[in-house]
Amino acid sequence: MQKQHIHFARASDGVTIAYSTMGEGPPLLVAPGWVSHLELEMDNPANVEFYEGLSKGGQRRLIRFDVRGSGLSDRRVEDISIEARARDLEAVIDHLGLDKVAIFASSHSGPPAIIYAATHPEKVSHLVLYATLAHHGQNGREALGKAIVDLIRAEWGVGSRAVAEFVYPDADKEIADANTRYMRNSASGEVAATLLEEALFRVDVREYLPKLTMPTLVLHRRDDKAFPFGCGRELAALLPHAHFMPLPGNIHLPFYGETGPILDAVNEFLATKDGHVHAGGDDSEHARPLRVAFGLHIILFTDMEGSTSLTQRLGDAKAQEVLRIHNRIVREALQAHDGSEIKHTGDGIMASFQSASGAIDCAVDIQKALDSRNEANPDTPLRVRIGLNAGEPVAEGEDLFGTAVQLASRIAASAEPGQVLVSDVVRQLAAGKEFLFSDEGDVVLRGFEDPVRLYGVRS
């Protein structure tokens, strides 16, 4: 582990801010997520490993600091607002005499970092925002948040345990105990409660977002319990130069869980001048820029019939062979009809098209290819449901989300094995293309209040 060197800077309002440096090379300033303690943080092996990854083994100059009111910074301070904490970043960067710096800000430090980057754009080369938000209305947990804030103020020991369960829901007792001790030793309950209260009920930095001219990477785990996934998604959508990367997991803290995707994305992002990042890494054959985008997509889902019973009947190895046949047939059809595979769903494939007729042709060809295969292999029939819908989903990285996607999935689940089932909007988009449809009537789909008119494709 590299040795950290602790120094002190003075903010414009006179508050002393403790900061540390490790390594040499291009500077990366890591802003503390909530309460912090430079020394105690390095007693945690998970923290050490994560910071080693950010510093690339000392090839990057890693700068960390304690937020005012906690750690080795001045503890007794009156102003710990986001504007004041933005001055803390300014103090450290100015004290080091940095002309340009990349910033990694997570959780509560996101809004202060946004303010600093917006008011000092010439100083910030890259901005990374992990598990944070732009305004308190994105969190949507007012009642629960108020209860936790009150608990922290009333009994910091119990409150820190409650927070630990949100930031790392599945932590074992040893890790949970270590996290609660770290929080209690980093700051008073009043400071912790005030910081949390501000994030949940007062933060709003949306006015600064249009001023962020530097490349910005937004990362957020899908099942984050502390700041929900929608916070990161909406933040990225409001930023003019943002790339958004959804991540798996429910852990709010960046240094627990699967940290590899975070470190890989950050290191690739910081290695570029314009922030052009690829999902899946440099060696991904189908790498595309990470972005938040909107537009019309025709969404196709395939769903294998009885995949579980197939495994039980054939065994894992042979069932996997059948799945590979499904994948090959679907992917060959996608290639022939300009379809883009979005992801494998376990029992099928999700794909996107720009053309309704192309999507329907692809679906029909898949079923024809499966019919031919089943004729030759009657002992292991492979039957697939296919559903199609059209809409404007949210594109995040290489994935698509939203009502249009959910409806396509439900349509596929409602189809009969061997059938292609489409929504009325897909049928209308393909009008005049000589497709034949059978009216399946209004169907109630799980998760949708109103019935949906569906049509079967007759080849």
Protein backbone atom coordinates (compact mmCIF):
# COMPACT_ATOMS: atom_id res chain seq x y z
CA MET A 1 0.00 0.00 0.00
CA GLN A 2 1.27 3.47 -0.89
CA LYS A 3 1.96 5.82 1.99
CA GLN A 4 -0.41 8.74 2.27
CA HIS A 5 0.85 12.21 3.14
CA ILE A 6 -1.57 14.37 5.11
CA HIS A 7 -1.65 18.14 4.68
CA PHE A 8 -4.01 20.99 5.56
CA ALA A 9 -5.64 23.69 3.47
CA ARG A 10 -7.75 26.64 4.56
CA ALA A 11 -11.08 27.34 2.90
CA SER A 12 -12.15 30.89 2.06
CA ASP A 13 -14.29 31.04 5.22
CA GLY A 14 -11.37 30.01 7.44
CA VAL A 15 -12.25 26.33 7.93
CA THR A 16 -9.23 24.00 7.94
CA ILE A 17 -9.55 21.05 5.57
CA ALA A 18 -7.35 17.96 5.95
CA TYR A 19 -6.29 16.25 2.74
CA SER A 20 -3.91 13.51 1.72
CA THR A 21 -1.96 12.63 -1.41
CA MET A 22 -0.72 9.28 -2.70
CA GLY A 23 1.21 8.44 -5.85
CA GLU A 24 2.46 10.58 -8.71
CA GLY A 25 1.05 11.49 -12.10
CA PRO A 26 -2.17 13.10 -13.32
CA PRO A 27 -4.21 14.28 -10.31
CA LEU A 28 -7.54 12.71 -9.31
CA LEU A 29 -9.43 14.33 -6.45
CA VAL A 30 -11.73 11.90 -4.60
CA ALA A 31 -14.42 13.73 -2.63
CA PRO A 32 -15.78 11.99 0.51
CA GLY A 33 -19.19 10.40 0.19
CA TRP A 34 -20.63 11.44 3.57
CA VAL A 35 -18.70 11.73 6.83
CA SER A 36 -15.05 10.74 6.49
CA HIS A 37 -11.74 10.15 8.25
CA LEU A 38 -8.52 10.02 6.22
CA GLU A 39 -6.66 7.80 8.68
CA LEU A 40 -9.43 5.43 9.76
CA GLU A 41 -10.56 4.91 6.18
CA MET A 42 -7.26 3.26 5.33
CA ASP A 43 -7.77 0.64 8.05
CA ASN A 44 -10.37 -0.94 5.76
CA PRO A 45 -8.81 -3.31 3.19
CA ALA A 46 -11.72 -2.72 0.79
CA ASN A 47 -11.01 1.02 0.79
CA VAL A 48 -7.29 0.47 0.28
CA GLU A 49 -7.87 -1.85 -2.68
CA PHE A 50 -10.33 0.55 -4.29
CA TYR A 51 -8.03 3.55 -3.93
CA GLU A 52 -5.13 1.52 -5.29
CA GLY A 53 -7.30 0.84 -8.33
CA LEU A 54 -8.15 4.51 -8.76
CA SER A 55 -4.50 5.51 -8.45
CA LYS A 56 -3.49 2.74 -10.89
CA GLY A 57 -0.88 1.52 -8.47
CA GLY A 58 0.64 4.96 -7.93
CA GLN A 59 0.62 6.07 -11.57
CA ARG A 60 -2.04 8.64 -10.76
CA ARG A 61 -1.81 11.26 -7.99
CA LEU A 62 -4.74 10.43 -5.71
CA ILE A 63 -5.99 13.28 -3.55
CA ARG A 64 -8.53 12.69 -0.77
CA PHE A 65 -9.87 15.05 1.87
CA ASP A 66 -12.11 15.06 4.94
CA VAL A 67 -15.35 16.95 4.59
CA ARG A 68 -15.66 19.91 6.97
CA GLY A 69 -17.08 18.80 10.30
CA SER A 70 -15.54 15.32 10.15
CA GLY A 71 -12.30 13.39 10.26
CA LEU A 72 -9.12 15.45 10.59
CA SER A 73 -10.75 18.62 9.23
CA ASP A 74 -12.22 21.21 11.60
CA ARG A 75 -15.00 19.45 13.52
CA ARG A 76 -16.76 22.48 14.99
CA VAL A 77 -18.10 24.39 12.02
CA GLU A 78 -21.35 26.25 11.58
CA ASP A 79 -21.73 25.99 7.81
CA ILE A 80 -21.70 22.54 6.21
CA SER A 81 -23.99 23.39 3.31
CA ILE A 82 -23.24 22.16 -0.21
CA GLU A 83 -21.97 25.64 -1.11
CA ALA A 84 -19.53 25.51 1.82
CA ARG A 85 -18.40 22.02 0.87
CA ALA A 86 -17.79 23.22 -2.68
CA ARG A 87 -15.36 25.71 -1.12
CA ASP A 88 -13.55 22.75 0.47
CA LEU A 89 -12.77 21.35 -2.99
CA GLU A 90 -11.58 24.79 -4.03
CA ALA A 91 -9.32 25.04 -0.96
CA VAL A 92 -7.59 21.72 -1.61
CA ILE A 93 -7.16 22.26 -5.35
CA ASP A 94 -5.80 25.79 -4.85
CA HIS A 95 -3.48 24.72 -2.02
CA LEU A 96 -1.95 22.11 -4.31
CA GLY A 97 -1.64 24.67 -7.12
CA LEU A 98 -3.37 22.39 -9.64
CA ASP A 99 -4.14 23.79 -13.09
CA LYS A 100 -6.34 20.83 -14.04
CA VAL A 101 -7.79 18.00 -11.99
CA ALA A 102 -10.18 15.10 -12.50
CA ILE A 103 -12.82 14.69 -9.77
CA PHE A 104 -14.46 11.51 -8.48
CA ALA A 105 -17.48 12.39 -6.31
CA SER A 106 -19.85 9.88 -4.76
CA SER A 107 -23.09 10.09 -2.80
CA HIS A 108 -23.33 13.33 -0.75
CA SER A 109 -20.24 14.83 -2.39
CA GLY A 110 -21.87 14.87 -5.83
CA PRO A 111 -23.75 18.20 -5.46
CA PRO A 112 -20.74 20.13 -4.04
CA ALA A 113 -18.54 18.72 -6.83
CA ILE A 114 -21.14 19.79 -9.41
CA ILE A 115 -21.11 23.33 -8.00
CA TYR A 116 -17.31 23.49 -8.04
CA ALA A 117 -17.05 22.09 -11.58
CA ALA A 118 -19.72 24.47 -12.86
CA THR A 119 -18.10 27.55 -11.31
CA HIS A 120 -14.51 26.48 -12.16
CA PRO A 121 -14.87 24.60 -15.47
CA GLU A 122 -11.36 25.56 -16.53
CA LYS A 123 -9.99 23.59 -13.55
CA VAL A 124 -11.81 20.29 -14.13
CA SER A 125 -10.68 17.93 -16.90
CA HIS A 126 -13.12 15.09 -16.12
CA LEU A 127 -15.98 14.65 -13.67
CA VAL A 128 -17.08 11.24 -12.36
CA LEU A 129 -20.34 11.11 -10.38
CA TYR A 130 -21.09 7.83 -8.63
CA ALA A 131 -24.38 7.03 -6.81
CA THR A 132 -25.42 10.65 -6.38
CA LEU A 133 -28.24 13.02 -7.31
CA ALA A 134 -29.03 16.51 -8.59
CA HIS A 135 -32.00 17.40 -6.40
CA HIS A 136 -33.72 16.00 -3.34
CA GLY A 137 -36.96 15.28 -5.21
CA GLN A 138 -35.22 12.43 -7.05
CA ASN A 139 -34.84 10.38 -3.87
CA GLY A 140 -38.55 9.93 -3.12
CA ARG A 141 -38.16 8.60 0.43
CA GLU A 142 -39.14 11.58 2.55
CA ALA A 143 -40.87 9.76 5.42
CA LEU A 144 -38.16 7.12 5.76
CA GLY A 145 -35.43 9.73 5.41
CA LYS A 146 -36.91 11.90 8.14
CA ALA A 147 -37.13 8.89 10.47
CA ILE A 148 -33.45 8.05 9.92
CA VAL A 149 -32.34 11.67 10.36
CA ASP A 150 -34.28 11.89 13.65
CA LEU A 151 -32.79 8.58 14.78
CA ILE A 152 -29.23 9.76 14.03
CA ARG A 153 -29.79 12.92 16.06
CA ALA A 154 -31.37 11.04 18.94
CA GLU A 155 -28.92 8.13 19.10
CA TRP A 156 -25.96 8.19 16.71
CA GLY A 157 -24.97 4.62 17.58
CA VAL A 158 -28.34 3.18 16.56
CA GLY A 159 -28.64 5.62 13.66
CA SER A 160 -25.28 4.62 12.22
CA ARG A 161 -26.40 0.99 12.24
CA ALA A 162 -29.57 1.93 10.33
CA VAL A 163 -27.50 3.81 7.73
CA ALA A 164 -25.09 0.88 7.42
CA GLU A 165 -27.98 -1.39 6.47
CA PHE A 166 -28.93 0.96 3.62
CA VAL A 167 -25.49 1.56 2.18
CA TYR A 168 -24.58 -2.16 2.31
CA PRO A 169 -27.78 -4.19 2.76
CA ASP A 170 -26.24 -7.67 2.72
CA ALA A 171 -23.10 -6.99 4.73
CA ASP A 172 -22.05 -9.58 7.27
CA LYS A 173 -21.87 -8.58 10.93
CA GLU A 174 -18.12 -7.89 10.89
CA ILE A 175 -18.36 -5.43 7.99
CA ALA A 176 -21.53 -3.82 9.34
CA ASP A 177 -19.89 -3.33 12.76
CA ALA A 178 -16.76 -1.87 11.15
CA ASN A 179 -18.82 0.58 9.08
CA THR A 180 -20.85 1.78 12.06
CA ARG A 181 -17.67 2.30 14.14
CA TYR A 182 -16.11 4.22 11.27
CA MET A 183 -19.12 6.53 10.95
CA ARG A 184 -19.34 7.22 14.69
CA ASN A 185 -15.62 8.00 14.89
CA SER A 186 -15.66 10.22 11.82
CA ALA A 187 -18.19 12.84 12.94
CA SER A 188 -20.84 13.73 15.47
CA GLY A 189 -24.42 12.60 15.02
CA GLU A 190 -25.47 16.22 14.48
CA VAL A 191 -23.08 16.70 11.56
CA ALA A 192 -24.07 13.35 10.05
CA ALA A 193 -27.77 14.15 10.42
CA THR A 194 -27.38 17.63 8.91
CA LEU A 195 -25.53 16.29 5.87
CA LEU A 196 -28.14 13.59 5.30
CA GLU A 197 -31.02 16.01 5.90
CA GLU A 198 -29.66 18.35 3.25
CA ALA A 199 -29.31 15.59 0.65
CA LEU A 200 -32.83 14.30 1.28
CA PHE A 201 -34.75 17.56 1.66
CA ARG A 202 -32.82 20.61 0.44
CA VAL A 203 -30.30 19.81 -2.31
CA ASP A 204 -31.02 21.17 -5.77
CA VAL A 205 -28.11 21.83 -8.13
CA ARG A 206 -30.01 21.57 -11.41
CA GLU A 207 -29.23 25.20 -12.27
CA TYR A 208 -25.52 24.29 -12.41
CA LEU A 209 -25.83 21.28 -14.71
CA PRO A 210 -25.93 23.17 -18.05
CA LYS A 211 -22.63 24.82 -17.07
CA LEU A 212 -20.73 21.54 -16.88
CA THR A 213 -18.69 21.70 -20.06
CA MET A 214 -16.24 18.92 -19.18
CA PRO A 215 -16.78 15.21 -20.02
CA THR A 216 -18.83 13.63 -17.23
CA LEU A 217 -19.32 9.96 -16.36
CA VAL A 218 -22.33 9.00 -14.22
CA LEU A 219 -22.34 5.57 -12.59
CA HIS A 220 -25.15 4.08 -10.50
CA ARG A 221 -25.99 0.60 -9.25
CA ARG A 222 -29.46 -0.51 -10.26
CA ASP A 223 -30.71 -1.58 -6.82
CA ASP A 224 -29.01 1.07 -4.69
CA LYS A 225 -31.05 1.32 -1.47
CA ALA A 226 -29.66 4.67 -0.31
CA PHE A 227 -29.98 6.81 -3.45
CA PRO A 228 -32.28 4.95 -5.89
CA PHE A 229 -31.21 4.20 -9.45
CA GLY A 230 -33.52 6.90 -10.83
CA CYS A 231 -31.34 9.54 -9.19
CA GLY A 232 -28.37 8.68 -11.40
CA ARG A 233 -30.45 8.18 -14.51
CA GLU A 234 -32.17 11.56 -14.21
CA LEU A 235 -28.90 13.30 -13.33
CA ALA A 236 -27.26 11.96 -16.48
CA ALA A 237 -30.25 12.95 -18.59
CA LEU A 238 -29.95 16.55 -17.39
CA LEU A 239 -26.21 16.83 -18.09
CA PRO A 240 -25.10 18.16 -21.50
CA HIS A 241 -21.97 16.00 -21.82
CA ALA A 242 -22.75 12.93 -19.72
CA HIS A 243 -22.16 9.25 -20.32
CA PHE A 244 -24.29 6.97 -18.13
CA MET A 245 -23.25 3.51 -16.99
CA PRO A 246 -25.80 1.40 -15.08
CA LEU A 247 -24.15 -1.13 -12.78
CA PRO A 248 -25.47 -4.31 -11.14
CA GLY A 249 -25.84 -4.55 -7.37
CA ASN A 250 -27.52 -2.92 -4.38
CA ILE A 251 -24.49 -1.55 -2.51
CA HIS A 252 -24.27 2.23 -2.25
CA LEU A 253 -20.59 2.32 -1.29
CA PRO A 254 -18.27 2.11 -4.33
CA PHE A 255 -15.54 0.06 -2.64
CA TYR A 256 -17.76 -2.95 -1.79
CA GLY A 257 -19.34 -5.47 -4.13
CA GLU A 258 -18.19 -5.70 -7.76
CA THR A 259 -15.70 -2.84 -7.94
CA GLY A 260 -14.04 -4.00 -11.15
CA PRO A 261 -16.63 -2.44 -13.51
CA ILE A 262 -16.39 0.87 -11.62
CA LEU A 263 -12.60 0.99 -11.75
CA ASP A 264 -12.46 -0.12 -15.38
CA ALA A 265 -14.99 2.54 -16.45
CA VAL A 266 -13.30 5.31 -14.48
CA ASN A 267 -9.80 4.46 -15.65
CA GLU A 268 -10.87 4.21 -19.29
CA PHE A 269 -12.82 7.46 -18.98
CA LEU A 270 -9.90 9.35 -17.44
CA ALA A 271 -7.55 8.06 -20.14
CA THR A 272 -9.51 9.91 -22.83
CA LYS A 273 -9.57 13.59 -23.68
CA ASP A 274 -13.23 13.77 -24.69
CA GLY A 275 -14.72 11.23 -22.29
CA HIS A 276 -15.60 8.76 -25.06
CA VAL A 277 -16.15 5.49 -23.18
CA HIS A 278 -17.12 2.04 -24.40
CA ALA A 279 -19.30 -0.42 -22.58
CA GLY A 280 -17.75 -3.85 -22.28
CA GLY A 281 -14.14 -2.63 -22.45
CA ASP A 282 -11.77 -2.01 -25.32
CA ASP A 283 -11.94 -5.60 -26.55
CA SER A 284 -15.71 -5.62 -26.88
CA GLU A 285 -16.60 -6.35 -30.48
CA HIS A 286 -19.86 -4.42 -30.19
CA ALA A 287 -18.63 -1.56 -28.00
CA ARG A 288 -20.70 1.62 -28.19
CA PRO A 289 -20.44 5.00 -26.46
CA LEU A 290 -22.16 5.19 -23.09
CA ARG A 291 -24.95 7.70 -23.26
CA VAL A 292 -28.49 8.57 -22.32
CA ALA A 293 -30.56 8.79 -25.48
CA PHE A 294 -34.14 8.68 -26.66
CA GLY A 295 -35.77 7.63 -29.94
CA LEU A 296 -38.14 5.15 -31.53
CA HIS A 297 -37.14 1.51 -31.10
CA ILE A 298 -38.89 -1.68 -32.12
CA ILE A 299 -38.22 -4.02 -29.21
CA LEU A 300 -38.13 -7.80 -29.74
CA PHE A 301 -38.05 -10.44 -27.01
CA THR A 302 -37.61 -14.18 -27.48
CA ASP A 303 -38.65 -16.54 -24.68
CA MET A 304 -37.82 -20.26 -24.78
CA GLU A 305 -40.63 -22.59 -23.79
CA GLY A 306 -39.99 -24.69 -20.70
CA SER A 307 -36.30 -23.88 -20.25
CA THR A 308 -36.34 -25.16 -16.66
CA SER A 309 -38.03 -28.46 -17.52
CA LEU A 310 -35.66 -28.76 -20.50
CA THR A 311 -32.68 -28.66 -18.13
CA GLN A 312 -34.28 -31.23 -15.84
CA ARG A 313 -35.08 -33.53 -18.75
CA LEU A 314 -31.81 -33.26 -20.70
CA GLY A 315 -29.32 -32.28 -18.02
CA ASP A 316 -27.24 -29.12 -17.84
CA ALA A 317 -24.83 -29.89 -20.69
CA LYS A 318 -27.41 -30.86 -23.32
CA ALA A 319 -29.80 -28.10 -22.28
CA GLN A 320 -26.97 -25.63 -22.73
CA GLU A 321 -26.41 -26.99 -26.23
CA VAL A 322 -30.07 -26.31 -27.05
CA LEU A 323 -29.74 -22.77 -25.67
CA ARG A 324 -26.69 -22.20 -27.89
CA ILE A 325 -28.73 -23.29 -30.91
CA HIS A 326 -31.41 -20.74 -29.95
CA ASN A 327 -28.77 -18.04 -29.60
CA ARG A 328 -27.20 -18.87 -32.96
CA ILE A 329 -30.52 -18.85 -34.83
CA VAL A 330 -31.63 -15.57 -33.25
CA ARG A 331 -28.29 -13.84 -33.82
CA GLU A 332 -28.10 -14.93 -37.45
CA ALA A 333 -31.58 -13.49 -38.02
CA LEU A 334 -30.65 -10.26 -36.23
CA GLN A 335 -27.62 -9.86 -38.46
CA ALA A 336 -29.68 -10.47 -41.58
CA HIS A 337 -32.30 -7.86 -40.62
CA ASP A 338 -30.13 -5.11 -39.05
CA GLY A 339 -31.21 -5.91 -35.51
CA SER A 340 -29.10 -5.03 -32.48
CA GLU A 341 -28.83 -7.51 -29.63
CA ILE A 342 -29.34 -5.65 -26.36
CA LYS A 343 -28.86 -8.46 -23.88
CA HIS A 344 -29.36 -12.14 -23.12
CA THR A 345 -32.18 -12.67 -20.63
CA GLY A 346 -31.33 -16.22 -19.58
CA ASP A 347 -34.27 -17.81 -21.43
CA GLY A 348 -34.09 -15.60 -24.48
CA ILE A 349 -32.68 -12.52 -26.17
CA MET A 350 -33.78 -8.90 -26.23
CA ALA A 351 -33.10 -6.95 -29.42
CA SER A 352 -33.86 -3.57 -30.96
CA PHE A 353 -34.70 -2.47 -34.52
CA GLN A 354 -35.19 0.84 -36.26
CA SER A 355 -37.73 -0.68 -38.65
CA ALA A 356 -40.99 -2.43 -37.73
CA SER A 357 -40.96 -4.46 -40.94
CA GLY A 358 -37.38 -5.50 -40.31
CA ALA A 359 -38.27 -6.63 -36.80
CA ILE A 360 -41.27 -8.65 -37.99
CA ASP A 361 -39.27 -10.24 -40.83
CA CYS A 362 -36.60 -11.18 -38.32
CA ALA A 363 -39.14 -12.73 -35.93
CA VAL A 364 -40.75 -14.74 -38.76
CA ASP A 365 -37.36 -15.99 -39.95
CA ILE A 366 -36.47 -17.07 -36.41
CA GLN A 367 -39.63 -19.16 -36.18
CA LYS A 368 -39.06 -20.66 -39.63
CA ALA A 369 -35.48 -21.61 -38.73
CA LEU A 370 -36.69 -23.18 -35.48
CA ASP A 371 -39.37 -25.15 -37.33
CA SER A 372 -36.73 -26.56 -39.68
CA ARG A 373 -34.48 -27.42 -36.79
CA ASN A 374 -37.31 -29.13 -34.87
CA GLU A 375 -38.25 -31.26 -37.88
CA ALA A 376 -34.72 -32.62 -37.91
CA ASN A 377 -34.59 -33.05 -34.11
CA PRO A 378 -38.04 -34.19 -32.94
CA ASP A 379 -36.67 -35.57 -29.66
CA THR A 380 -35.45 -32.16 -28.47
CA PRO A 381 -37.92 -29.61 -29.84
CA LEU A 382 -37.01 -25.96 -29.35
CA ARG A 383 -40.07 -23.72 -29.28
CA VAL A 384 -39.89 -19.99 -28.69
CA ARG A 385 -42.37 -17.22 -27.97
CA ILE A 386 -41.63 -13.87 -29.63
CA GLY A 387 -43.12 -10.50 -28.67
CA LEU A 388 -42.72 -7.10 -30.36
CA ASN A 389 -43.53 -3.58 -29.21
CA ALA A 390 -42.53 -0.08 -30.31
CA GLY A 391 -41.80 3.02 -28.26
CA GLU A 392 -39.18 5.45 -26.99
CA PRO A 393 -37.27 3.73 -24.19
CA VAL A 394 -34.39 5.22 -22.27
CA ALA A 395 -31.04 4.02 -23.66
CA GLU A 396 -28.44 3.65 -20.92
CA GLY A 397 -25.08 2.39 -22.02
CA GLU A 398 -25.90 -0.73 -24.04
CA ASP A 399 -29.26 -1.40 -22.40
CA LEU A 400 -32.82 -0.12 -22.87
CA PHE A 401 -35.37 0.57 -20.15
CA GLY A 402 -38.88 1.89 -19.75
CA THR A 403 -42.52 1.07 -20.38
CA ALA A 404 -41.97 0.18 -24.04
CA VAL A 405 -39.44 -2.49 -23.05
CA GLN A 406 -41.59 -3.87 -20.21
CA LEU A 407 -44.58 -4.16 -22.54
CA ALA A 408 -42.55 -6.02 -25.18
CA SER A 409 -41.44 -8.50 -22.53
CA ARG A 410 -45.03 -9.06 -21.36
CA ILE A 411 -46.21 -9.54 -24.96
CA ALA A 412 -43.59 -12.24 -25.49
CA ALA A 413 -44.71 -13.98 -22.29
CA SER A 414 -48.33 -13.94 -23.59
CA ALA A 415 -47.48 -15.51 -26.95
CA GLU A 416 -47.96 -19.19 -27.65
CA PRO A 417 -44.83 -21.27 -28.31
CA GLY A 418 -43.95 -20.80 -31.97
CA GLN A 419 -46.01 -17.59 -32.24
CA VAL A 420 -44.98 -14.01 -33.06
CA LEU A 421 -47.20 -11.57 -31.17
CA VAL A 422 -47.07 -7.80 -31.72
CA SER A 423 -48.67 -4.68 -30.26
CA ASP A 424 -51.07 -2.57 -32.32
CA VAL A 425 -48.45 0.16 -32.77
CA VAL A 426 -46.07 -2.32 -34.42
CA ARG A 427 -48.87 -3.53 -36.70
CA GLN A 428 -49.64 0.04 -37.73
CA LEU A 429 -45.96 0.88 -38.34
CA ALA A 430 -45.78 -2.09 -40.69
CA ALA A 431 -48.92 -1.11 -42.61
CA GLY A 432 -48.58 -1.58 -46.38
CA LYS A 433 -45.75 -4.13 -46.03
CA GLU A 434 -47.97 -7.11 -46.93
CA PHE A 435 -47.84 -8.75 -43.50
CA LEU A 436 -50.87 -10.77 -42.38
CA PHE A 437 -52.12 -10.37 -38.81
CA SER A 438 -54.68 -12.19 -36.71
CA ASP A 439 -56.54 -10.08 -34.15
CA GLU A 440 -55.97 -11.65 -30.73
CA GLY A 441 -58.23 -9.11 -29.00
CA ASP A 442 -57.60 -7.08 -25.85
CA VAL A 443 -55.29 -8.87 -23.45
CA VAL A 444 -54.61 -8.00 -19.81
CA LEU A 445 -50.84 -8.10 -19.26
CA ARG A 446 -49.17 -8.36 -15.88
CA GLY A 447 -48.20 -4.96 -14.54
CA PHE A 448 -50.42 -3.00 -16.94
CA GLU A 449 -53.75 -1.65 -15.77
CA ASP A 450 -55.43 -1.30 -19.18
CA PRO A 451 -55.89 -4.21 -21.63
CA VAL A 452 -53.60 -4.17 -24.67
CA ARG A 453 -54.75 -5.08 -28.21
CA LEU A 454 -52.43 -7.74 -29.61
CA TYR A 455 -52.00 -9.27 -33.07
CA GLY A 456 -50.46 -12.53 -34.17
CA VAL A 457 -48.21 -12.52 -37.25
CA ARG A 458 -49.25 -15.02 -39.91
CA SER A 459 -46.37 -16.01 -42.17
